[in-house]
């Protein structure tokens, strides 16, 4: 089993209030969930108007597929032009099937 974890630092252009930021983040996360089968959540920068940190997680059995899928998610987020990705980290974790026994 492979677990892909992605951490993004985002800049929200024109973010001039927490309410505006929440609207942008809610829209972005709904779009990502609707297009990709991933878990996504805002995990940091909650009180900053123009910044956000997002965590994305994907589980599967093929390392290449997981990595490629997370790259596609990042490209999609960049393509929405709702936010600017200023930092990205992807980590792939392998778990042995016997690990859960």
PDB file of N, CA and C in Angstrom:
ATOM      1  N   UNK A   1       0.855  -1.174   0.000  1.00  0.00           N
ATOM      2  CA  UNK A   1       0.000   0.000   0.000  1.00  0.00           C
ATOM      3  C   UNK A   1       0.897   1.231   0.000  1.00  0.00           C
ATOM      4  N   UNK A   2       0.524   2.211  -0.801  1.00  0.00           N
ATOM      5  CA  UNK A   2       1.263   3.467  -0.889  1.00  0.00           C
ATOM      6  C   UNK A   2       0.324   4.603  -0.478  1.00  0.00           C
ATOM      7  N   UNK A   3       0.806   5.467   0.404  1.00  0.00           N
ATOM      8  CA  UNK A   3       0.063   6.647   0.815  1.00  0.00           C
ATOM      9  C   UNK A   3       0.840   7.864   0.318  1.00  0.00           C
ATOM     10  N   UNK A   4       0.182   8.674  -0.484  1.00  0.00           N
ATOM     11  CA  UNK A   4       0.791   9.906  -0.972  1.00  0.00           C
ATOM     12  C   UNK A   4       0.262  11.075  -0.169  1.00  0.00           C
ATOM     13  N   UNK A   5       1.177  11.862   0.364  1.00  0.00           N
ATOM     14  CA  UNK A   5       0.815  13.027   1.166  1.00  0.00           C
ATOM     15  C   UNK A   5       1.436  14.251   0.517  1.00  0.00           C
ATOM     16  N   UNK A   6       0.624  15.257   0.308  1.00  0.00           N
ATOM     17  CA  UNK A   6       1.091  16.490  -0.330  1.00  0.00           C
ATOM     18  C   UNK A   6       0.761  17.664   0.583  1.00  0.00           C
ATOM     19  N   UNK A   7       1.714  18.554   0.741  1.00  0.00           N
ATOM     20  CA  UNK A   7       1.522  19.766   1.537  1.00  0.00           C
ATOM     21  C   UNK A   7       1.787  20.953   0.619  1.00  0.00           C
ATOM     22  N   UNK A   8       0.827  21.869   0.529  1.00  0.00           N
ATOM     23  CA  UNK A   8       0.966  23.050  -0.314  1.00  0.00           C
ATOM     24  C   UNK A   8       0.858  24.309   0.526  1.00  0.00           C
ATOM     25  N   UNK A   9       1.744  25.255   0.263  1.00  0.00           N
ATOM     26  CA  UNK A   9       1.592  26.605   0.795  1.00  0.00           C
ATOM     27  C   UNK A   9       1.031  27.445  -0.336  1.00  0.00           C
ATOM     28  N   UNK A  10      -0.065  28.138  -0.050  1.00  0.00           N
ATOM     29  CA  UNK A  10      -0.776  28.879  -1.075  1.00  0.00           C
ATOM     30  C   UNK A  10      -0.824  30.367  -0.758  1.00  0.00           C
ATOM     31  N   UNK A  11      -0.766  31.162  -1.798  1.00  0.00           N
ATOM     32  CA  UNK A  11      -0.976  32.596  -1.716  1.00  0.00           C
ATOM     33  C   UNK A  11      -2.324  32.866  -2.363  1.00  0.00           C
ATOM     34  N   UNK A  12      -3.169  33.619  -1.685  1.00  0.00           N
ATOM     35  CA  UNK A  12      -4.504  33.918  -2.192  1.00  0.00           C
ATOM     36  C   UNK A  12      -4.524  35.376  -2.630  1.00  0.00           C
ATOM     37  N   UNK A  13      -4.400  35.616  -3.959  1.00  0.00           N
ATOM     38  CA  UNK A  13      -4.386  36.991  -4.444  1.00  0.00           C
ATOM     39  C   UNK A  13      -5.718  37.684  -4.140  1.00  0.00           C
ATOM     40  N   UNK A  14      -5.634  38.916  -3.743  1.00  0.00           N
ATOM     41  CA  UNK A  14      -6.851  39.675  -3.465  1.00  0.00           C
ATOM     42  C   UNK A  14      -7.557  39.272  -2.197  1.00  0.00           C
ATOM     43  N   UNK A  15      -6.912  38.427  -1.403  1.00  0.00           N
ATOM     44  CA  UNK A  15      -7.526  38.030  -0.136  1.00  0.00           C
ATOM     45  C   UNK A  15      -7.498  39.196   0.829  1.00  0.00           C
ATOM     46  N   UNK A  16      -8.656  39.846   1.020  1.00  0.00           N
ATOM     47  CA  UNK A  16      -8.681  41.022   1.883  1.00  0.00           C
ATOM     48  C   UNK A  16      -9.539  40.821   3.122  1.00  0.00           C
ATOM     49  N   UNK A  17     -10.027  39.590   3.323  1.00  0.00           N
ATOM     50  CA  UNK A  17     -10.771  39.276   4.538  1.00  0.00           C
ATOM     51  C   UNK A  17     -10.763  37.766   4.734  1.00  0.00           C
ATOM     52  N   UNK A  18     -11.003  37.351   5.965  1.00  0.00           N
ATOM     53  CA  UNK A  18     -11.084  35.918   6.241  1.00  0.00           C
ATOM     54  C   UNK A  18     -12.304  35.309   5.555  1.00  0.00           C
ATOM     55  N   UNK A  19     -13.380  36.080   5.439  1.00  0.00           N
ATOM     56  CA  UNK A  19     -14.579  35.586   4.764  1.00  0.00           C
ATOM     57  C   UNK A  19     -14.278  35.329   3.285  1.00  0.00           C
ATOM     58  N   UNK A  20     -13.578  36.243   2.640  1.00  0.00           N
ATOM     59  CA  UNK A  20     -13.200  36.060   1.242  1.00  0.00           C
ATOM     60  C   UNK A  20     -12.278  34.867   1.059  1.00  0.00           C
ATOM     61  N   UNK A  21     -11.338  34.719   1.989  1.00  0.00           N
ATOM     62  CA  UNK A  21     -10.426  33.575   1.940  1.00  0.00           C
ATOM     63  C   UNK A  21     -11.192  32.268   2.064  1.00  0.00           C
ATOM     64  N   UNK A  22     -12.132  32.197   3.009  1.00  0.00           N
ATOM     65  CA  UNK A  22     -12.922  30.973   3.199  1.00  0.00           C
ATOM     66  C   UNK A  22     -13.697  30.622   1.942  1.00  0.00           C
ATOM     67  N   UNK A  23     -14.241  31.627   1.251  1.00  0.00           N
ATOM     68  CA  UNK A  23     -14.988  31.372   0.017  1.00  0.00           C
ATOM     69  C   UNK A  23     -14.067  30.779  -1.051  1.00  0.00           C
ATOM     70  N   UNK A  24     -12.874  31.346  -1.204  1.00  0.00           N
ATOM     71  CA  UNK A  24     -11.920  30.847  -2.189  1.00  0.00           C
ATOM     72  C   UNK A  24     -11.499  29.424  -1.842  1.00  0.00           C
ATOM     73  N   UNK A  25     -11.160  29.195  -0.580  1.00  0.00           N
ATOM     74  CA  UNK A  25     -10.689  27.868  -0.174  1.00  0.00           C
ATOM     75  C   UNK A  25     -11.794  26.825  -0.296  1.00  0.00           C
ATOM     76  N   UNK A  26     -13.008  27.170   0.086  1.00  0.00           N
ATOM     77  CA  UNK A  26     -14.126  26.227  -0.031  1.00  0.00           C
ATOM     78  C   UNK A  26     -14.345  25.856  -1.495  1.00  0.00           C
ATOM     79  N   UNK A  27     -14.332  26.855  -2.370  1.00  0.00           N
ATOM     80  CA  UNK A  27     -14.512  26.609  -3.803  1.00  0.00           C
ATOM     81  C   UNK A  27     -13.392  25.730  -4.350  1.00  0.00           C
ATOM     82  N   UNK A  28     -12.162  26.050  -4.000  1.00  0.00           N
ATOM     83  CA  UNK A  28     -11.013  25.284  -4.477  1.00  0.00           C
ATOM     84  C   UNK A  28     -11.095  23.832  -4.021  1.00  0.00           C
ATOM     85  N   UNK A  29     -11.369  23.614  -2.743  1.00  0.00           N
ATOM     86  CA  UNK A  29     -11.395  22.249  -2.218  1.00  0.00           C
ATOM     87  C   UNK A  29     -12.558  21.440  -2.801  1.00  0.00           C
ATOM     88  N   UNK A  30     -13.703  22.069  -3.038  1.00  0.00           N
ATOM     89  CA  UNK A  30     -14.825  21.373  -3.665  1.00  0.00           C
ATOM     90  C   UNK A  30     -14.480  20.963  -5.090  1.00  0.00           C
ATOM     91  N   UNK A  31     -13.800  21.847  -5.824  1.00  0.00           N
ATOM     92  CA  UNK A  31     -13.393  21.528  -7.193  1.00  0.00           C
ATOM     93  C   UNK A  31     -12.412  20.363  -7.221  1.00  0.00           C
ATOM     94  N   UNK A  32     -11.448  20.376  -6.303  1.00  0.00           N
ATOM     95  CA  UNK A  32     -10.454  19.299  -6.251  1.00  0.00           C
ATOM     96  C   UNK A  32     -11.126  17.980  -5.883  1.00  0.00           C
ATOM     97  N   UNK A  33     -11.991  17.999  -4.876  1.00  0.00           N
ATOM     98  CA  UNK A  33     -12.695  16.765  -4.476  1.00  0.00           C
ATOM     99  C   UNK A  33     -13.579  16.239  -5.601  1.00  0.00           C
ATOM    100  N   UNK A  34     -14.209  17.152  -6.345  1.00  0.00           N
ATOM    101  CA  UNK A  34     -15.093  16.749  -7.423  1.00  0.00           C
ATOM    102  C   UNK A  34     -14.366  16.140  -8.607  1.00  0.00           C
ATOM    103  N   UNK A  35     -13.142  16.585  -8.866  1.00  0.00           N
ATOM    104  CA  UNK A  35     -12.396  16.116 -10.030  1.00  0.00           C
ATOM    105  C   UNK A  35     -11.502  14.926  -9.717  1.00  0.00           C
ATOM    106  N   UNK A  36     -10.952  14.885  -8.511  1.00  0.00           N
ATOM    107  CA  UNK A  36     -10.002  13.840  -8.121  1.00  0.00           C
ATOM    108  C   UNK A  36     -10.533  13.117  -6.889  1.00  0.00           C
ATOM    109  N   UNK A  37     -10.196  11.887  -6.747  1.00  0.00           N
ATOM    110  CA  UNK A  37     -10.615  11.101  -5.589  1.00  0.00           C
ATOM    111  C   UNK A  37      -9.548  11.224  -4.498  1.00  0.00           C
ATOM    112  N   UNK A  38      -9.444  12.412  -3.892  1.00  0.00           N
ATOM    113  CA  UNK A  38      -8.436  12.678  -2.868  1.00  0.00           C
ATOM    114  C   UNK A  38      -9.097  13.304  -1.644  1.00  0.00           C
ATOM    115  N   UNK A  39      -8.406  13.226  -0.531  1.00  0.00           N
ATOM    116  CA  UNK A  39      -8.790  13.963   0.667  1.00  0.00           C
ATOM    117  C   UNK A  39      -8.012  15.262   0.662  1.00  0.00           C
ATOM    118  N   UNK A  40      -8.680  16.363   0.931  1.00  0.00           N
ATOM    119  CA  UNK A  40      -8.022  17.666   0.958  1.00  0.00           C
ATOM    120  C   UNK A  40      -8.597  18.482   2.111  1.00  0.00           C
ATOM    121  N   UNK A  41      -7.717  19.193   2.802  1.00  0.00           N
ATOM    122  CA  UNK A  41      -8.148  20.000   3.933  1.00  0.00           C
ATOM    123  C   UNK A  41      -7.191  21.166   4.127  1.00  0.00           C
ATOM    124  N   UNK A  42      -7.730  22.280   4.601  1.00  0.00           N
ATOM    125  CA  UNK A  42      -6.875  23.399   4.990  1.00  0.00           C
ATOM    126  C   UNK A  42      -6.270  23.048   6.344  1.00  0.00           C
ATOM    127  N   UNK A  43      -4.936  23.015   6.408  1.00  0.00           N
ATOM    128  CA  UNK A  43      -4.275  22.529   7.614  1.00  0.00           C
ATOM    129  C   UNK A  43      -3.436  23.591   8.323  1.00  0.00           C
ATOM    130  N   UNK A  44      -3.403  24.808   7.789  1.00  0.00           N
ATOM    131  CA  UNK A  44      -2.612  25.847   8.439  1.00  0.00           C
ATOM    132  C   UNK A  44      -2.916  27.210   7.855  1.00  0.00           C
ATOM    133  N   UNK A  45      -2.465  28.239   8.556  1.00  0.00           N
ATOM    134  CA  UNK A  45      -2.670  29.605   8.108  1.00  0.00           C
ATOM    135  C   UNK A  45      -4.116  30.053   8.212  1.00  0.00           C
ATOM    136  N   UNK A  46      -4.848  29.474   9.147  1.00  0.00           N
ATOM    137  CA  UNK A  46      -6.282  29.747   9.252  1.00  0.00           C
ATOM    138  C   UNK A  46      -6.607  31.212   9.515  1.00  0.00           C
ATOM    139  N   UNK A  47      -5.736  31.918  10.213  1.00  0.00           N
ATOM    140  CA  UNK A  47      -6.040  33.303  10.571  1.00  0.00           C
ATOM    141  C   UNK A  47      -5.334  34.318   9.673  1.00  0.00           C
ATOM    142  N   UNK A  48      -4.735  33.863   8.580  1.00  0.00           N
ATOM    143  CA  UNK A  48      -4.064  34.760   7.640  1.00  0.00           C
ATOM    144  C   UNK A  48      -4.953  34.977   6.423  1.00  0.00           C
ATOM    145  N   UNK A  49      -5.173  36.212   6.042  1.00  0.00           N
ATOM    146  CA  UNK A  49      -6.084  36.521   4.938  1.00  0.00           C
ATOM    147  C   UNK A  49      -5.582  36.011   3.600  1.00  0.00           C
ATOM    148  N   UNK A  50      -4.317  36.230   3.320  1.00  0.00           N
ATOM    149  CA  UNK A  50      -3.802  35.955   1.986  1.00  0.00           C
ATOM    150  C   UNK A  50      -2.989  34.682   1.853  1.00  0.00           C
ATOM    151  N   UNK A  51      -2.970  33.856   2.872  1.00  0.00           N
ATOM    152  CA  UNK A  51      -2.166  32.624   2.849  1.00  0.00           C
ATOM    153  C   UNK A  51      -2.990  31.455   3.350  1.00  0.00           C
ATOM    154  N   UNK A  52      -2.616  30.267   2.887  1.00  0.00           N
ATOM    155  CA  UNK A  52      -3.258  29.041   3.370  1.00  0.00           C
ATOM    156  C   UNK A  52      -2.279  27.892   3.196  1.00  0.00           C
ATOM    157  N   UNK A  53      -2.440  26.887   4.026  1.00  0.00           N
ATOM    158  CA  UNK A  53      -1.703  25.630   3.884  1.00  0.00           C
ATOM    159  C   UNK A  53      -2.733  24.530   3.707  1.00  0.00           C
ATOM    160  N   UNK A  54      -2.482  23.678   2.708  1.00  0.00           N
ATOM    161  CA  UNK A  54      -3.429  22.632   2.364  1.00  0.00           C
ATOM    162  C   UNK A  54      -2.724  21.290   2.421  1.00  0.00           C
ATOM    163  N   UNK A  55      -3.416  20.281   2.948  1.00  0.00           N
ATOM    164  CA  UNK A  55      -2.931  18.913   2.941  1.00  0.00           C
ATOM    165  C   UNK A  55      -3.799  18.075   2.018  1.00  0.00           C
ATOM    166  N   UNK A  56      -3.155  17.252   1.218  1.00  0.00           N
ATOM    167  CA  UNK A  56      -3.862  16.376   0.282  1.00  0.00           C
ATOM    168  C   UNK A  56      -3.327  14.969   0.496  1.00  0.00           C
ATOM    169  N   UNK A  57      -4.224  13.983   0.491  1.00  0.00           N
ATOM    170  CA  UNK A  57      -3.819  12.600   0.719  1.00  0.00           C
ATOM    171  C   UNK A  57      -4.502  11.687  -0.290  1.00  0.00           C
ATOM    172  N   UNK A  58      -3.746  10.698  -0.760  1.00  0.00           N
ATOM    173  CA  UNK A  58      -4.251   9.733  -1.729  1.00  0.00           C
ATOM    174  C   UNK A  58      -3.641   8.374  -1.393  1.00  0.00           C
ATOM    175  N   UNK A  59      -4.453   7.337  -1.411  1.00  0.00           N
ATOM    176  CA  UNK A  59      -3.999   5.987  -1.083  1.00  0.00           C
ATOM    177  C   UNK A  59      -4.203   5.089  -2.295  1.00  0.00           C
ATOM    178  N   UNK A  60      -3.228   4.230  -2.568  1.00  0.00           N
ATOM    179  CA  UNK A  60      -3.335   3.289  -3.678  1.00  0.00           C
ATOM    180  C   UNK A  60      -2.287   2.209  -3.552  1.00  0.00           C
ATOM    181  N   UNK A  61      -2.068   1.485  -4.654  1.00  0.00           N
ATOM    182  CA  UNK A  61      -1.087   0.405  -4.592  1.00  0.00           C
ATOM    183  C   UNK A  61       0.051   0.583  -5.589  1.00  0.00           C
ATOM    184  N   UNK A  62       0.046   1.672  -6.350  1.00  0.00           N
ATOM    185  CA  UNK A  62       1.089   1.917  -7.343  1.00  0.00           C
ATOM    186  C   UNK A  62       1.737   3.273  -7.086  1.00  0.00           C
ATOM    187  N   UNK A  63       3.009   3.229  -6.740  1.00  0.00           N
ATOM    188  CA  UNK A  63       3.760   4.431  -6.402  1.00  0.00           C
ATOM    189  C   UNK A  63       3.748   5.469  -7.529  1.00  0.00           C
ATOM    190  N   UNK A  64       3.950   5.011  -8.752  1.00  0.00           N
ATOM    191  CA  UNK A  64       3.968   5.914  -9.899  1.00  0.00           C
ATOM    192  C   UNK A  64       2.619   6.584 -10.113  1.00  0.00           C
ATOM    193  N   UNK A  65       1.545   5.813  -9.954  1.00  0.00           N
ATOM    194  CA  UNK A  65       0.202   6.360 -10.115  1.00  0.00           C
ATOM    195  C   UNK A  65      -0.087   7.425  -9.058  1.00  0.00           C
ATOM    196  N   UNK A  66       0.270   7.145  -7.812  1.00  0.00           N
ATOM    197  CA  UNK A  66       0.033   8.092  -6.716  1.00  0.00           C
ATOM    198  C   UNK A  66       0.794   9.387  -6.970  1.00  0.00           C
ATOM    199  N   UNK A  67       2.067   9.280  -7.324  1.00  0.00           N
ATOM    200  CA  UNK A  67       2.888  10.464  -7.581  1.00  0.00           C
ATOM    201  C   UNK A  67       2.325  11.269  -8.749  1.00  0.00           C
ATOM    202  N   UNK A  68       1.976  10.587  -9.829  1.00  0.00           N
ATOM    203  CA  UNK A  68       1.415  11.239 -11.003  1.00  0.00           C
ATOM    204  C   UNK A  68       0.081  11.922 -10.672  1.00  0.00           C
ATOM    205  N   UNK A  69      -0.743  11.263  -9.897  1.00  0.00           N
ATOM    206  CA  UNK A  69      -2.048  11.824  -9.526  1.00  0.00           C
ATOM    207  C   UNK A  69      -1.890  13.088  -8.693  1.00  0.00           C
ATOM    208  N   UNK A  70      -0.964  13.067  -7.742  1.00  0.00           N
ATOM    209  CA  UNK A  70      -0.736  14.262  -6.925  1.00  0.00           C
ATOM    210  C   UNK A  70      -0.182  15.403  -7.774  1.00  0.00           C
ATOM    211  N   UNK A  71       0.684  15.092  -8.743  1.00  0.00           N
ATOM    212  CA  UNK A  71       1.173  16.120  -9.671  1.00  0.00           C
ATOM    213  C   UNK A  71       0.017  16.729 -10.461  1.00  0.00           C
ATOM    214  N   UNK A  72      -0.929  15.900 -10.882  1.00  0.00           N
ATOM    215  CA  UNK A  72      -2.094  16.392 -11.626  1.00  0.00           C
ATOM    216  C   UNK A  72      -2.975  17.278 -10.753  1.00  0.00           C
ATOM    217  N   UNK A  73      -3.122  16.915  -9.492  1.00  0.00           N
ATOM    218  CA  UNK A  73      -3.900  17.736  -8.567  1.00  0.00           C
ATOM    219  C   UNK A  73      -3.247  19.114  -8.425  1.00  0.00           C
ATOM    220  N   UNK A  74      -1.928  19.141  -8.253  1.00  0.00           N
ATOM    221  CA  UNK A  74      -1.219  20.407  -8.112  1.00  0.00           C
ATOM    222  C   UNK A  74      -1.368  21.241  -9.378  1.00  0.00           C
ATOM    223  N   UNK A  75      -1.223  20.623 -10.538  1.00  0.00           N
ATOM    224  CA  UNK A  75      -1.386  21.342 -11.811  1.00  0.00           C
ATOM    225  C   UNK A  75      -2.796  21.904 -11.938  1.00  0.00           C
ATOM    226  N   UNK A  76      -3.784  21.125 -11.518  1.00  0.00           N
ATOM    227  CA  UNK A  76      -5.167  21.591 -11.556  1.00  0.00           C
ATOM    228  C   UNK A  76      -5.352  22.810 -10.652  1.00  0.00           C
ATOM    229  N   UNK A  77      -4.803  22.740  -9.436  1.00  0.00           N
ATOM    230  CA  UNK A  77      -4.924  23.863  -8.493  1.00  0.00           C
ATOM    231  C   UNK A  77      -4.277  25.108  -9.081  1.00  0.00           C
ATOM    232  N   UNK A  78      -3.098  24.946  -9.666  1.00  0.00           N
ATOM    233  CA  UNK A  78      -2.430  26.092 -10.292  1.00  0.00           C
ATOM    234  C   UNK A  78      -3.248  26.640 -11.458  1.00  0.00           C
ATOM    235  N   UNK A  79      -3.908  25.764 -12.192  1.00  0.00           N
ATOM    236  CA  UNK A  79      -4.682  26.168 -13.350  1.00  0.00           C
ATOM    237  C   UNK A  79      -5.978  26.892 -13.019  1.00  0.00           C
ATOM    238  N   UNK A  80      -6.476  26.743 -11.790  1.00  0.00           N
ATOM    239  CA  UNK A  80      -7.715  27.427 -11.411  1.00  0.00           C
ATOM    240  C   UNK A  80      -7.510  28.928 -11.298  1.00  0.00           C
ATOM    241  N   UNK A  81      -6.293  29.343 -11.062  1.00  0.00           N
ATOM    242  CA  UNK A  81      -5.933  30.751 -10.866  1.00  0.00           C
ATOM    243  C   UNK A  81      -6.638  31.382  -9.663  1.00  0.00           C
ATOM    244  N   UNK A  82      -7.216  30.542  -8.795  1.00  0.00           N
ATOM    245  CA  UNK A  82      -7.786  31.038  -7.545  1.00  0.00           C
ATOM    246  C   UNK A  82      -6.691  31.332  -6.532  1.00  0.00           C
ATOM    247  N   UNK A  83      -5.613  30.537  -6.609  1.00  0.00           N
ATOM    248  CA  UNK A  83      -4.501  30.660  -5.678  1.00  0.00           C
ATOM    249  C   UNK A  83      -3.194  30.502  -6.443  1.00  0.00           C
ATOM    250  N   UNK A  84      -2.111  30.872  -5.779  1.00  0.00           N
ATOM    251  CA  UNK A  84      -0.766  30.653  -6.318  1.00  0.00           C
ATOM    252  C   UNK A  84      -0.040  29.689  -5.389  1.00  0.00           C
ATOM    253  N   UNK A  85       0.487  28.612  -5.944  1.00  0.00           N
ATOM    254  CA  UNK A  85       1.243  27.643  -5.146  1.00  0.00           C
ATOM    255  C   UNK A  85       2.647  28.202  -4.968  1.00  0.00           C
ATOM    256  N   UNK A  86       3.036  28.462  -3.717  1.00  0.00           N
ATOM    257  CA  UNK A  86       4.368  29.021  -3.470  1.00  0.00           C
ATOM    258  C   UNK A  86       5.332  27.974  -2.893  1.00  0.00           C
ATOM    259  N   UNK A  87       4.804  26.862  -2.431  1.00  0.00           N
ATOM    260  CA  UNK A  87       5.653  25.764  -1.959  1.00  0.00           C
ATOM    261  C   UNK A  87       4.868  24.473  -2.031  1.00  0.00           C
ATOM    262  N   UNK A  88       5.539  23.402  -2.429  1.00  0.00           N
ATOM    263  CA  UNK A  88       4.896  22.087  -2.495  1.00  0.00           C
ATOM    264  C   UNK A  88       5.847  21.028  -1.976  1.00  0.00           C
ATOM    265  N   UNK A  89       5.315  20.102  -1.238  1.00  0.00           N
ATOM    266  CA  UNK A  89       6.061  18.943  -0.753  1.00  0.00           C
ATOM    267  C   UNK A  89       5.200  17.715  -0.981  1.00  0.00           C
ATOM    268  N   UNK A  90       5.783  16.696  -1.597  1.00  0.00           N
ATOM    269  CA  UNK A  90       5.088  15.419  -1.783  1.00  0.00           C
ATOM    270  C   UNK A  90       5.915  14.343  -1.114  1.00  0.00           C
ATOM    271  N   UNK A  91       5.243  13.500  -0.331  1.00  0.00           N
ATOM    272  CA  UNK A  91       5.910  12.371   0.312  1.00  0.00           C
ATOM    273  C   UNK A  91       5.100  11.115   0.017  1.00  0.00           C
ATOM    274  N   UNK A  92       5.792  10.070  -0.384  1.00  0.00           N
ATOM    275  CA  UNK A  92       5.149   8.785  -0.641  1.00  0.00           C
ATOM    276  C   UNK A  92       5.597   7.799   0.426  1.00  0.00           C
ATOM    277  N   UNK A  93       4.640   7.206   1.107  1.00  0.00           N
ATOM    278  CA  UNK A  93       4.921   6.283   2.193  1.00  0.00           C
ATOM    279  C   UNK A  93       4.491   4.881   1.780  1.00  0.00           C
ATOM    280  N   UNK A  94       5.384   3.904   1.944  1.00  0.00           N
ATOM    281  CA  UNK A  94       5.076   2.512   1.637  1.00  0.00           C
ATOM    282  C   UNK A  94       4.752   1.773   2.921  1.00  0.00           C
ATOM    283  N   UNK A  95       3.694   0.979   2.882  1.00  0.00           N
ATOM    284  CA  UNK A  95       3.335   0.155   4.020  1.00  0.00           C
ATOM    285  C   UNK A  95       3.316  -1.297   3.580  1.00  0.00           C
ATOM    286  N   UNK A  96       3.930  -2.142   4.359  1.00  0.00           N
ATOM    287  CA  UNK A  96       3.937  -3.579   4.117  1.00  0.00           C
ATOM    288  C   UNK A  96       2.559  -4.134   4.463  1.00  0.00           C
ATOM    289  N   UNK A  97       1.998  -5.028   3.628  1.00  0.00           N
ATOM    290  CA  UNK A  97       0.670  -5.582   3.940  1.00  0.00           C
ATOM    291  C   UNK A  97       0.594  -6.225   5.324  1.00  0.00           C
ATOM    292  N   UNK A  98       1.675  -6.806   5.813  1.00  0.00           N
ATOM    293  CA  UNK A  98       1.688  -7.404   7.145  1.00  0.00           C
ATOM    294  C   UNK A  98       1.680  -6.389   8.260  1.00  0.00           C
ATOM    295  N   UNK A  99       1.890  -5.139   7.934  1.00  0.00           N
ATOM    296  CA  UNK A  99       1.944  -4.053   8.910  1.00  0.00           C
ATOM    297  C   UNK A  99       0.650  -3.959   9.710  1.00  0.00           C
ATOM    298  N   UNK A 100      -0.491  -4.281   9.084  1.00  0.00           N
ATOM    299  CA  UNK A 100      -1.771  -4.068   9.721  1.00  0.00           C
ATOM    300  C   UNK A 100      -2.310  -5.300  10.435  1.00  0.00           C
ATOM    301  N   UNK A 101      -1.527  -6.342  10.513  1.00  0.00           N
ATOM    302  CA  UNK A 101      -1.993  -7.554  11.206  1.00  0.00           C
ATOM    303  C   UNK A 101      -1.691  -7.515  12.659  1.00  0.00           C
TER     304      UNK A 101
END
